[in-house]
Amino acid sequence: YIGPLPQKGPDSKERRTSTGWGMGLHLGSHWRMTDALSLGVAYKSPVTLRLNGRAEYSLHQPNFLAEKGEVPHTVDTDTDTKIHLPGSLALGLAYKPMDNLSVEVGTVFTHWSRFDYDTTYHSDFDEDGKGGGRNSWNVNASVEYKPRQWLALRAGVWHDTSAVRDHAAGFMSPGDGSTGVGLGVGMNWGPWTLDLAYAYRRSHDLDYRDSGVAGVISSVSNIS
């Protein structure tokens, strides 16, 4: 909306670039219970990223929502962003019924309810991420078969549950779940190894219609 009275105007696209860093911890453990059965566990700690960047706009114009303090003014400005990425815990089980065949199943729990972000525009606007998403699970299975000593054939599938709270999202929200398959081949000759892989991921519809985040247009998107 532009001008002193609400009226539809052309969209102004925001382009935001940022750089920064964060520090985290990644721990893992592997237990070989029998010659055929192994158990693995991995933990990734939460990471807080502090980013400095800039926001630039394709159009510079008055904005009704900006005057109400709900979205930033379309003024090119520096930005400071803090993103809190959640921790995760992974568990995997591998079974090797034959020397040239192994089957693995696993799951990953991600604490998306702890996800949060906040951006301060130097044009006097603060964008609050309004809390985290929904804790999510990944379940996966894979198989590797070696018909030759130098050749390995691999395949896998996985499914992620939705991390979007109440199926409503802002543009920084985590995904609404996905399903995927992967294929791969590995070859080795002496000290040389070549691994090739292909993965297809189908993300579920992401619903912005009940977002409640100012400036987010009512819409549904799907990314493959």
C-alpha atoms as a PDB file:
ATOM      1  CA  TYR A   1       0.000   0.000   0.000  1.00  0.00           C
ATOM      2  CA  ILE A   2       1.307   3.460  -0.868  1.00  0.00           C
ATOM      3  CA  GLY A   3       0.411   7.063  -0.194  1.00  0.00           C
ATOM      4  CA  PRO A   4      -1.587   8.556   2.694  1.00  0.00           C
ATOM      5  CA  LEU A   5      -4.551   6.270   1.986  1.00  0.00           C
ATOM      6  CA  PRO A   6      -4.384   2.484   1.509  1.00  0.00           C
ATOM      7  CA  GLN A   7      -4.139   1.673  -2.181  1.00  0.00           C
ATOM      8  CA  LYS A   8      -2.418  -1.017  -4.179  1.00  0.00           C
ATOM      9  CA  GLY A   9       0.942  -0.074  -5.648  1.00  0.00           C
ATOM     10  CA  PRO A  10       3.778  -1.915  -7.386  1.00  0.00           C
ATOM     11  CA  ASP A  11       5.736  -4.395  -5.303  1.00  0.00           C
ATOM     12  CA  SER A  12       9.165  -3.402  -4.052  1.00  0.00           C
ATOM     13  CA  LYS A  13      11.553  -6.343  -3.896  1.00  0.00           C
ATOM     14  CA  GLU A  14      14.006  -6.545  -1.020  1.00  0.00           C
ATOM     15  CA  ARG A  15      17.466  -7.992  -1.610  1.00  0.00           C
ATOM     16  CA  ARG A  16      19.348  -8.711   1.600  1.00  0.00           C
ATOM     17  CA  THR A  17      22.972  -9.877   1.786  1.00  0.00           C
ATOM     18  CA  SER A  18      24.766 -10.688   5.028  1.00  0.00           C
ATOM     19  CA  THR A  19      27.982 -12.217   6.315  1.00  0.00           C
ATOM     20  CA  GLY A  20      28.875 -13.497   9.756  1.00  0.00           C
ATOM     21  CA  TRP A  21      29.809 -16.548  11.775  1.00  0.00           C
ATOM     22  CA  GLY A  22      28.738 -18.797  14.624  1.00  0.00           C
ATOM     23  CA  MET A  23      30.252 -21.544  16.740  1.00  0.00           C
ATOM     24  CA  GLY A  24      28.833 -24.963  17.579  1.00  0.00           C
ATOM     25  CA  LEU A  25      29.719 -28.455  18.744  1.00  0.00           C
ATOM     26  CA  HIS A  26      29.343 -31.735  16.803  1.00  0.00           C
ATOM     27  CA  LEU A  27      29.827 -34.976  18.743  1.00  0.00           C
ATOM     28  CA  GLY A  28      29.452 -38.545  17.525  1.00  0.00           C
ATOM     29  CA  SER A  29      29.901 -42.088  18.780  1.00  0.00           C
ATOM     30  CA  HIS A  30      29.913 -45.506  17.091  1.00  0.00           C
ATOM     31  CA  TRP A  31      29.346 -48.840  18.799  1.00  0.00           C
ATOM     32  CA  ARG A  32      29.976 -52.123  16.984  1.00  0.00           C
ATOM     33  CA  MET A  33      27.706 -54.476  18.925  1.00  0.00           C
ATOM     34  CA  THR A  34      28.401 -57.566  16.795  1.00  0.00           C
ATOM     35  CA  ASP A  35      30.183 -58.330  13.520  1.00  0.00           C
ATOM     36  CA  ALA A  36      26.907 -57.638  11.704  1.00  0.00           C
ATOM     37  CA  LEU A  37      25.265 -54.922  13.839  1.00  0.00           C
ATOM     38  CA  SER A  38      26.423 -51.371  14.616  1.00  0.00           C
ATOM     39  CA  LEU A  39      24.846 -48.400  16.390  1.00  0.00           C
ATOM     40  CA  GLY A  40      25.730 -44.743  15.921  1.00  0.00           C
ATOM     41  CA  VAL A  41      24.638 -41.526  17.624  1.00  0.00           C
ATOM     42  CA  ALA A  42      25.469 -37.898  16.780  1.00  0.00           C
ATOM     43  CA  TYR A  43      24.661 -34.588  18.462  1.00  0.00           C
ATOM     44  CA  LYS A  44      24.801 -31.102  16.932  1.00  0.00           C
ATOM     45  CA  SER A  45      24.590 -28.223  19.380  1.00  0.00           C
ATOM     46  CA  PRO A  46      22.542 -25.065  18.779  1.00  0.00           C
ATOM     47  CA  VAL A  47      24.391 -22.308  16.919  1.00  0.00           C
ATOM     48  CA  THR A  48      23.795 -18.566  17.122  1.00  0.00           C
ATOM     49  CA  LEU A  49      24.800 -16.639  13.986  1.00  0.00           C
ATOM     50  CA  ARG A  50      25.450 -12.906  14.131  1.00  0.00           C
ATOM     51  CA  LEU A  51      25.308 -11.380  10.663  1.00  0.00           C
ATOM     52  CA  ASN A  52      26.040  -7.912   9.328  1.00  0.00           C
ATOM     53  CA  GLY A  53      24.676  -6.954   5.952  1.00  0.00           C
ATOM     54  CA  ARG A  54      22.608  -4.639   3.843  1.00  0.00           C
ATOM     55  CA  ALA A  55      19.037  -4.468   2.569  1.00  0.00           C
ATOM     56  CA  GLU A  56      18.358  -2.882  -0.831  1.00  0.00           C
ATOM     57  CA  TYR A  57      15.013  -2.289  -2.563  1.00  0.00           C
ATOM     58  CA  SER A  58      13.968  -2.264  -6.198  1.00  0.00           C
ATOM     59  CA  LEU A  59      11.527   0.624  -5.575  1.00  0.00           C
ATOM     60  CA  HIS A  60      11.687   3.450  -3.036  1.00  0.00           C
ATOM     61  CA  GLN A  61       8.202   4.664  -2.140  1.00  0.00           C
ATOM     62  CA  PRO A  62       5.950   5.505   0.830  1.00  0.00           C
ATOM     63  CA  ASN A  63       4.413   2.441   2.451  1.00  0.00           C
ATOM     64  CA  PHE A  64       1.262   2.279   4.593  1.00  0.00           C
ATOM     65  CA  LEU A  65       2.439  -0.730   6.631  1.00  0.00           C
ATOM     66  CA  ALA A  66       5.827   0.882   7.152  1.00  0.00           C
ATOM     67  CA  GLU A  67       4.146   3.996   8.551  1.00  0.00           C
ATOM     68  CA  LYS A  68       2.390   1.721  11.056  1.00  0.00           C
ATOM     69  CA  GLY A  69       5.745   0.195  12.020  1.00  0.00           C
ATOM     70  CA  GLU A  70       4.885  -3.298  10.728  1.00  0.00           C
ATOM     71  CA  VAL A  71       7.418  -3.545   7.876  1.00  0.00           C
ATOM     72  CA  PRO A  72      10.607  -1.595   7.100  1.00  0.00           C
ATOM     73  CA  HIS A  73      10.584   1.489   4.909  1.00  0.00           C
ATOM     74  CA  THR A  74      11.886   0.819   1.411  1.00  0.00           C
ATOM     75  CA  VAL A  75      15.112   2.651   2.135  1.00  0.00           C
ATOM     76  CA  ASP A  76      18.468   1.041   1.359  1.00  0.00           C
ATOM     77  CA  THR A  77      20.092   0.470   4.738  1.00  0.00           C
ATOM     78  CA  ASP A  78      22.544  -1.627   6.745  1.00  0.00           C
ATOM     79  CA  THR A  79      21.189  -4.536   8.806  1.00  0.00           C
ATOM     80  CA  ASP A  80      22.188  -6.565  11.845  1.00  0.00           C
ATOM     81  CA  THR A  81      20.716 -10.082  12.125  1.00  0.00           C
ATOM     82  CA  LYS A  82      20.857 -12.720  14.836  1.00  0.00           C
ATOM     83  CA  ILE A  83      19.709 -16.248  13.930  1.00  0.00           C
ATOM     84  CA  HIS A  84      19.458 -19.018  16.505  1.00  0.00           C
ATOM     85  CA  LEU A  85      19.711 -22.393  14.759  1.00  0.00           C
ATOM     86  CA  PRO A  86      18.454 -25.392  16.757  1.00  0.00           C
ATOM     87  CA  GLY A  87      20.364 -28.429  17.915  1.00  0.00           C
ATOM     88  CA  SER A  88      19.701 -31.967  16.705  1.00  0.00           C
ATOM     89  CA  LEU A  89      20.177 -35.564  17.826  1.00  0.00           C
ATOM     90  CA  ALA A  90      20.643 -38.427  15.336  1.00  0.00           C
ATOM     91  CA  LEU A  91      20.501 -42.184  15.857  1.00  0.00           C
ATOM     92  CA  GLY A  92      21.389 -44.845  13.283  1.00  0.00           C
ATOM     93  CA  LEU A  93      21.477 -48.634  13.125  1.00  0.00           C
ATOM     94  CA  ALA A  94      23.461 -50.594  10.519  1.00  0.00           C
ATOM     95  CA  TYR A  95      23.024 -54.286   9.715  1.00  0.00           C
ATOM     96  CA  LYS A  96      25.484 -56.201   7.546  1.00  0.00           C
ATOM     97  CA  PRO A  97      24.096 -59.666   6.740  1.00  0.00           C
ATOM     98  CA  MET A  98      26.860 -60.270   4.172  1.00  0.00           C
ATOM     99  CA  ASP A  99      30.293 -58.818   3.562  1.00  0.00           C
ATOM    100  CA  ASN A 100      29.081 -57.029   0.431  1.00  0.00           C
ATOM    101  CA  LEU A 101      25.660 -55.888   1.693  1.00  0.00           C
ATOM    102  CA  SER A 102      24.699 -53.388   4.389  1.00  0.00           C
ATOM    103  CA  VAL A 103      21.342 -51.902   5.390  1.00  0.00           C
ATOM    104  CA  GLU A 104      20.938 -48.794   7.532  1.00  0.00           C
ATOM    105  CA  VAL A 105      17.983 -47.102   9.220  1.00  0.00           C
ATOM    106  CA  GLY A 106      18.074 -43.890  11.195  1.00  0.00           C
ATOM    107  CA  THR A 107      16.226 -40.938  12.636  1.00  0.00           C
ATOM    108  CA  VAL A 108      17.082 -37.300  13.406  1.00  0.00           C
ATOM    109  CA  PHE A 109      15.279 -35.116  15.937  1.00  0.00           C
ATOM    110  CA  THR A 110      15.651 -31.356  15.358  1.00  0.00           C
ATOM    111  CA  HIS A 111      14.601 -28.891  18.074  1.00  0.00           C
ATOM    112  CA  TRP A 112      12.964 -26.391  15.711  1.00  0.00           C
ATOM    113  CA  SER A 113      10.880 -24.885  18.530  1.00  0.00           C
ATOM    114  CA  ARG A 114      14.134 -23.161  19.591  1.00  0.00           C
ATOM    115  CA  PHE A 115      14.624 -21.534  16.172  1.00  0.00           C
ATOM    116  CA  ASP A 116      14.457 -17.745  16.256  1.00  0.00           C
ATOM    117  CA  TYR A 117      15.771 -14.716  14.414  1.00  0.00           C
ATOM    118  CA  ASP A 118      15.791 -10.973  14.744  1.00  0.00           C
ATOM    119  CA  THR A 119      16.862  -8.320  12.234  1.00  0.00           C
ATOM    120  CA  THR A 120      17.504  -4.671  13.026  1.00  0.00           C
ATOM    121  CA  TYR A 121      17.289  -2.304  10.070  1.00  0.00           C
ATOM    122  CA  HIS A 122      19.359   0.853  10.562  1.00  0.00           C
ATOM    123  CA  SER A 123      16.388   2.720   9.096  1.00  0.00           C
ATOM    124  CA  ASP A 124      14.743   2.302  12.556  1.00  0.00           C
ATOM    125  CA  PHE A 125      12.859  -0.976  12.183  1.00  0.00           C
ATOM    126  CA  ASP A 126      13.184  -4.225  14.118  1.00  0.00           C
ATOM    127  CA  GLU A 127      11.972  -7.491  12.548  1.00  0.00           C
ATOM    128  CA  ASP A 128      11.095 -10.064  15.203  1.00  0.00           C
ATOM    129  CA  GLY A 129      10.957 -13.690  14.051  1.00  0.00           C
ATOM    130  CA  LYS A 130       8.039 -14.391  16.438  1.00  0.00           C
ATOM    131  CA  GLY A 131       9.451 -17.597  17.919  1.00  0.00           C
ATOM    132  CA  GLY A 132      10.288 -20.998  16.592  1.00  0.00           C
ATOM    133  CA  GLY A 133       8.625 -23.727  14.627  1.00  0.00           C
ATOM    134  CA  ARG A 134       7.557 -27.235  15.486  1.00  0.00           C
ATOM    135  CA  ASN A 135      10.062 -29.882  16.548  1.00  0.00           C
ATOM    136  CA  SER A 136      10.581 -32.243  13.608  1.00  0.00           C
ATOM    137  CA  TRP A 137      11.722 -35.781  12.895  1.00  0.00           C
ATOM    138  CA  ASN A 138      13.624 -37.215   9.964  1.00  0.00           C
ATOM    139  CA  VAL A 139      13.378 -40.957   9.284  1.00  0.00           C
ATOM    140  CA  ASN A 140      15.626 -42.567   6.708  1.00  0.00           C
ATOM    141  CA  ALA A 141      16.748 -45.906   5.304  1.00  0.00           C
ATOM    142  CA  SER A 142      19.518 -46.860   2.896  1.00  0.00           C
ATOM    143  CA  VAL A 143      21.233 -49.886   1.391  1.00  0.00           C
ATOM    144  CA  GLU A 144      24.688 -50.462  -0.107  1.00  0.00           C
ATOM    145  CA  TYR A 145      25.561 -53.470  -2.272  1.00  0.00           C
ATOM    146  CA  LYS A 146      29.025 -54.268  -3.651  1.00  0.00           C
ATOM    147  CA  PRO A 147      28.746 -56.677  -6.610  1.00  0.00           C
ATOM    148  CA  ARG A 148      32.497 -56.191  -7.188  1.00  0.00           C
ATOM    149  CA  GLN A 149      35.309 -55.285  -4.855  1.00  0.00           C
ATOM    150  CA  TRP A 150      35.790 -51.987  -6.716  1.00  0.00           C
ATOM    151  CA  LEU A 151      32.076 -51.140  -7.203  1.00  0.00           C
ATOM    152  CA  ALA A 152      29.417 -50.072  -4.686  1.00  0.00           C
ATOM    153  CA  LEU A 153      25.733 -49.430  -5.514  1.00  0.00           C
ATOM    154  CA  ARG A 154      23.708 -47.308  -3.099  1.00  0.00           C
ATOM    155  CA  ALA A 155      20.068 -46.248  -2.631  1.00  0.00           C
ATOM    156  CA  GLY A 156      18.172 -44.438   0.099  1.00  0.00           C
ATOM    157  CA  VAL A 157      14.886 -42.815   1.079  1.00  0.00           C
ATOM    158  CA  TRP A 158      13.962 -40.265   3.745  1.00  0.00           C
ATOM    159  CA  HIS A 159      11.020 -38.323   5.121  1.00  0.00           C
ATOM    160  CA  ASP A 160      11.002 -35.079   7.154  1.00  0.00           C
ATOM    161  CA  THR A 161       7.981 -34.123   9.246  1.00  0.00           C
ATOM    162  CA  SER A 162       6.744 -30.532   9.185  1.00  0.00           C
ATOM    163  CA  ALA A 163       8.676 -27.956  11.214  1.00  0.00           C
ATOM    164  CA  VAL A 164       6.115 -25.192  10.600  1.00  0.00           C
ATOM    165  CA  ARG A 165       3.935 -24.268  13.542  1.00  0.00           C
ATOM    166  CA  ASP A 166       0.219 -24.661  12.714  1.00  0.00           C
ATOM    167  CA  HIS A 167       1.075 -24.790   8.971  1.00  0.00           C
ATOM    168  CA  ALA A 168       1.634 -21.021   8.966  1.00  0.00           C
ATOM    169  CA  ALA A 169       4.957 -19.501   8.014  1.00  0.00           C
ATOM    170  CA  GLY A 170       7.024 -16.415   7.491  1.00  0.00           C
ATOM    171  CA  PHE A 171       9.708 -16.338   4.827  1.00  0.00           C
ATOM    172  CA  MET A 172      12.434 -17.320   7.346  1.00  0.00           C
ATOM    173  CA  SER A 173      10.480 -20.293   8.700  1.00  0.00           C
ATOM    174  CA  PRO A 174      11.809 -23.858   8.387  1.00  0.00           C
ATOM    175  CA  GLY A 175      10.224 -26.192   5.826  1.00  0.00           C
ATOM    176  CA  ASP A 176       6.807 -27.860   5.988  1.00  0.00           C
ATOM    177  CA  GLY A 177       8.226 -31.367   5.563  1.00  0.00           C
ATOM    178  CA  SER A 178       9.664 -33.267   2.623  1.00  0.00           C
ATOM    179  CA  THR A 179      10.192 -36.725   1.138  1.00  0.00           C
ATOM    180  CA  GLY A 180      13.140 -37.802  -0.969  1.00  0.00           C
ATOM    181  CA  VAL A 181      15.025 -40.618  -2.646  1.00  0.00           C
ATOM    182  CA  GLY A 182      18.685 -40.950  -3.529  1.00  0.00           C
ATOM    183  CA  LEU A 183      20.835 -43.154  -5.769  1.00  0.00           C
ATOM    184  CA  GLY A 184      24.597 -43.450  -5.834  1.00  0.00           C
ATOM    185  CA  VAL A 185      27.563 -45.399  -7.109  1.00  0.00           C
ATOM    186  CA  GLY A 186      31.104 -45.626  -5.779  1.00  0.00           C
ATOM    187  CA  MET A 187      34.211 -46.848  -7.616  1.00  0.00           C
ATOM    188  CA  ASN A 188      37.754 -47.245  -6.420  1.00  0.00           C
ATOM    189  CA  TRP A 189      41.046 -48.024  -8.136  1.00  0.00           C
ATOM    190  CA  GLY A 190      43.968 -48.363  -5.740  1.00  0.00           C
ATOM    191  CA  PRO A 191      44.305 -45.040  -3.872  1.00  0.00           C
ATOM    192  CA  TRP A 192      41.611 -43.364  -6.041  1.00  0.00           C
ATOM    193  CA  THR A 193      37.903 -43.251  -5.225  1.00  0.00           C
ATOM    194  CA  LEU A 194      35.049 -41.775  -7.267  1.00  0.00           C
ATOM    195  CA  ASP A 195      31.574 -41.292  -5.718  1.00  0.00           C
ATOM    196  CA  LEU A 196      28.571 -40.155  -7.763  1.00  0.00           C
ATOM    197  CA  ALA A 197      25.121 -39.470  -6.308  1.00  0.00           C
ATOM    198  CA  TYR A 198      21.699 -38.138  -7.294  1.00  0.00           C
ATOM    199  CA  ALA A 199      18.904 -37.087  -4.927  1.00  0.00           C
ATOM    200  CA  TYR A 200      15.341 -35.952  -5.565  1.00  0.00           C
ATOM    201  CA  ARG A 201      13.524 -34.052  -2.829  1.00  0.00           C
ATOM    202  CA  ARG A 202       9.831 -33.206  -2.844  1.00  0.00           C
ATOM    203  CA  SER A 203       8.965 -30.447  -0.355  1.00  0.00           C
ATOM    204  CA  HIS A 204       5.396 -30.168   0.900  1.00  0.00           C
ATOM    205  CA  ASP A 205       3.255 -27.092   0.305  1.00  0.00           C
ATOM    206  CA  LEU A 206       4.248 -24.159   2.524  1.00  0.00           C
ATOM    207  CA  ASP A 207       1.155 -22.246   3.626  1.00  0.00           C
ATOM    208  CA  TYR A 208       1.440 -18.483   4.194  1.00  0.00           C
ATOM    209  CA  ARG A 209      -2.323 -17.813   4.333  1.00  0.00           C
ATOM    210  CA  ASP A 210      -2.528 -17.710   8.134  1.00  0.00           C
ATOM    211  CA  SER A 211       0.981 -16.445   8.762  1.00  0.00           C
ATOM    212  CA  GLY A 212       0.261 -13.493  11.035  1.00  0.00           C
ATOM    213  CA  VAL A 213       3.649 -12.019  10.054  1.00  0.00           C
ATOM    214  CA  ALA A 214       3.288  -8.441   8.825  1.00  0.00           C
ATOM    215  CA  GLY A 215       4.067  -7.960   5.145  1.00  0.00           C
ATOM    216  CA  VAL A 216       3.804 -11.681   4.276  1.00  0.00           C
ATOM    217  CA  ILE A 217       1.417 -12.099   1.351  1.00  0.00           C
ATOM    218  CA  SER A 218      -1.321 -14.744   1.618  1.00  0.00           C
ATOM    219  CA  SER A 219      -0.051 -17.583  -0.577  1.00  0.00           C
ATOM    220  CA  VAL A 220       0.908 -21.231  -0.871  1.00  0.00           C
ATOM    221  CA  SER A 221       4.261 -22.303  -2.313  1.00  0.00           C
ATOM    222  CA  ASN A 222       5.772 -25.629  -3.289  1.00  0.00           C
ATOM    223  CA  ILE A 223       9.478 -26.205  -3.913  1.00  0.00           C
ATOM    224  CA  SER A 224      10.873 -29.425  -5.369  1.00  0.00           C
END
